[in-house]
Amino acid sequence: MIHYKNIVRPGREMEAITCDVCGKTYRDDYEEIQEFHYIDFYGGYNSVFGDSKRIMCDICQYCLKKMIGKYCYLREPNGEIIKYQHQQPEKEE
């Protein structure tokens, strides 16, 4: 017979995420949370962000689309690259 005991493990679990652009907070919405984009990098020598500075930003898919959508391209399964054109209406807030 295997005997178990309850244990408590230290740590953190995400309970919500807030877009650093629009300020909207998402909770209990797995589909929206998984579409967040997390920017996390270090500026290199002579970077506009500063040498060796860590840059971080959490952006919801709607803000990201507004920011870069007109510059994006899509790669089709056959390898063809086409200009991005949004087909679905924006999510209501």
Protein backbone atom coordinates (compact mmCIF):
# COMPACT_ATOMS: atom_id res chain seq x y z
CA MET A 1 0.00 0.00 0.00
CA ILE A 2 1.23 3.44 -0.89
CA HIS A 3 0.67 6.16 1.67
CA TYR A 4 0.50 9.80 0.66
CA LYS A 5 0.82 13.02 2.58
CA ASN A 6 -0.30 16.46 1.56
CA ILE A 7 2.47 18.90 0.80
CA VAL A 8 2.55 22.60 0.07
CA ARG A 9 4.93 23.74 -2.62
CA PRO A 10 6.11 27.32 -2.73
CA GLY A 11 5.52 29.06 -6.00
CA ARG A 12 3.32 31.37 -7.94
CA GLU A 13 0.47 30.80 -10.34
CA MET A 14 -0.85 33.40 -12.76
CA GLU A 15 -4.33 34.56 -11.82
CA ALA A 16 -4.70 37.33 -14.41
CA ILE A 17 -2.80 39.26 -17.04
CA THR A 18 -3.09 42.92 -18.00
CA CYS A 19 -2.21 44.31 -21.41
CA ASP A 20 0.53 46.92 -21.05
CA VAL A 21 -0.94 48.84 -24.00
CA CYS A 22 -4.71 49.08 -23.41
CA GLY A 23 -4.78 48.18 -19.70
CA LYS A 24 -7.45 45.49 -20.04
CA THR A 25 -7.12 42.63 -17.53
CA TYR A 26 -7.97 39.07 -18.53
CA ARG A 27 -8.99 36.44 -15.94
CA ASP A 28 -10.33 32.95 -16.49
CA ASP A 29 -10.24 33.38 -20.27
CA TYR A 30 -7.78 30.75 -21.45
CA GLU A 31 -8.24 31.48 -25.15
CA GLU A 32 -7.44 35.17 -24.74
CA ILE A 33 -4.57 34.58 -22.32
CA GLN A 34 -2.89 32.08 -24.63
CA GLU A 35 -2.95 34.68 -27.41
CA PHE A 36 -1.01 37.25 -25.37
CA HIS A 37 2.42 38.14 -26.67
CA TYR A 38 5.28 38.49 -24.23
CA ILE A 39 8.19 40.65 -25.26
CA ASP A 40 11.30 40.04 -23.18
CA PHE A 41 14.77 40.89 -24.47
CA TYR A 42 17.95 42.75 -23.62
CA GLY A 43 19.03 45.79 -25.58
CA GLY A 44 22.41 45.35 -27.18
CA TYR A 45 25.24 47.79 -27.65
CA ASN A 46 23.91 51.18 -28.73
CA SER A 47 20.28 49.99 -28.50
CA VAL A 48 17.56 52.64 -28.59
CA PHE A 49 16.32 51.04 -25.34
CA GLY A 50 19.69 51.33 -23.63
CA ASP A 51 22.75 49.15 -23.49
CA SER A 52 22.06 45.85 -21.70
CA LYS A 53 18.65 47.03 -20.46
CA ARG A 54 15.97 44.35 -20.11
CA ILE A 55 12.83 45.25 -22.07
CA MET A 56 9.55 43.54 -21.18
CA CYS A 57 5.96 44.04 -22.32
CA ASP A 58 2.77 41.95 -22.28
CA ILE A 59 0.44 42.76 -25.18
CA CYS A 60 -3.03 41.39 -25.95
CA GLN A 61 -3.71 40.14 -29.45
CA TYR A 62 -5.98 43.09 -30.25
CA CYS A 63 -3.38 45.72 -29.42
CA LEU A 64 -0.67 43.79 -31.23
CA LYS A 65 -2.85 43.63 -34.33
CA LYS A 66 -3.48 47.38 -34.16
CA MET A 67 0.25 48.01 -33.77
CA ILE A 68 1.71 45.73 -36.43
CA GLY A 69 -1.21 44.28 -38.43
CA LYS A 70 -0.62 46.42 -41.50
CA TYR A 71 3.00 45.20 -41.66
CA CYS A 72 2.29 41.47 -41.28
CA TYR A 73 2.42 38.66 -43.79
CA LEU A 74 0.99 35.16 -43.55
CA ARG A 75 2.70 31.97 -44.65
CA GLU A 76 0.26 29.53 -46.22
CA PRO A 77 0.71 25.75 -45.71
CA ASN A 78 2.11 25.55 -49.26
CA GLY A 79 4.82 28.08 -48.34
CA GLU A 80 3.25 31.00 -50.20
CA ILE A 81 3.58 34.32 -48.37
CA ILE A 82 0.64 36.72 -48.62
CA LYS A 83 -0.17 40.12 -47.15
CA TYR A 84 -2.21 39.88 -43.95
CA GLN A 85 -5.86 40.88 -44.28
CA HIS A 86 -8.13 40.61 -41.29
CA GLN A 87 -11.21 38.49 -42.00
CA GLN A 88 -13.08 38.57 -38.68
CA PRO A 89 -14.67 41.50 -36.84
CA GLU A 90 -12.88 42.98 -33.86
CA LYS A 91 -13.82 41.61 -30.44
CA GLU A 92 -16.37 43.78 -28.65
CA GLU A 93 -15.17 45.31 -25.38
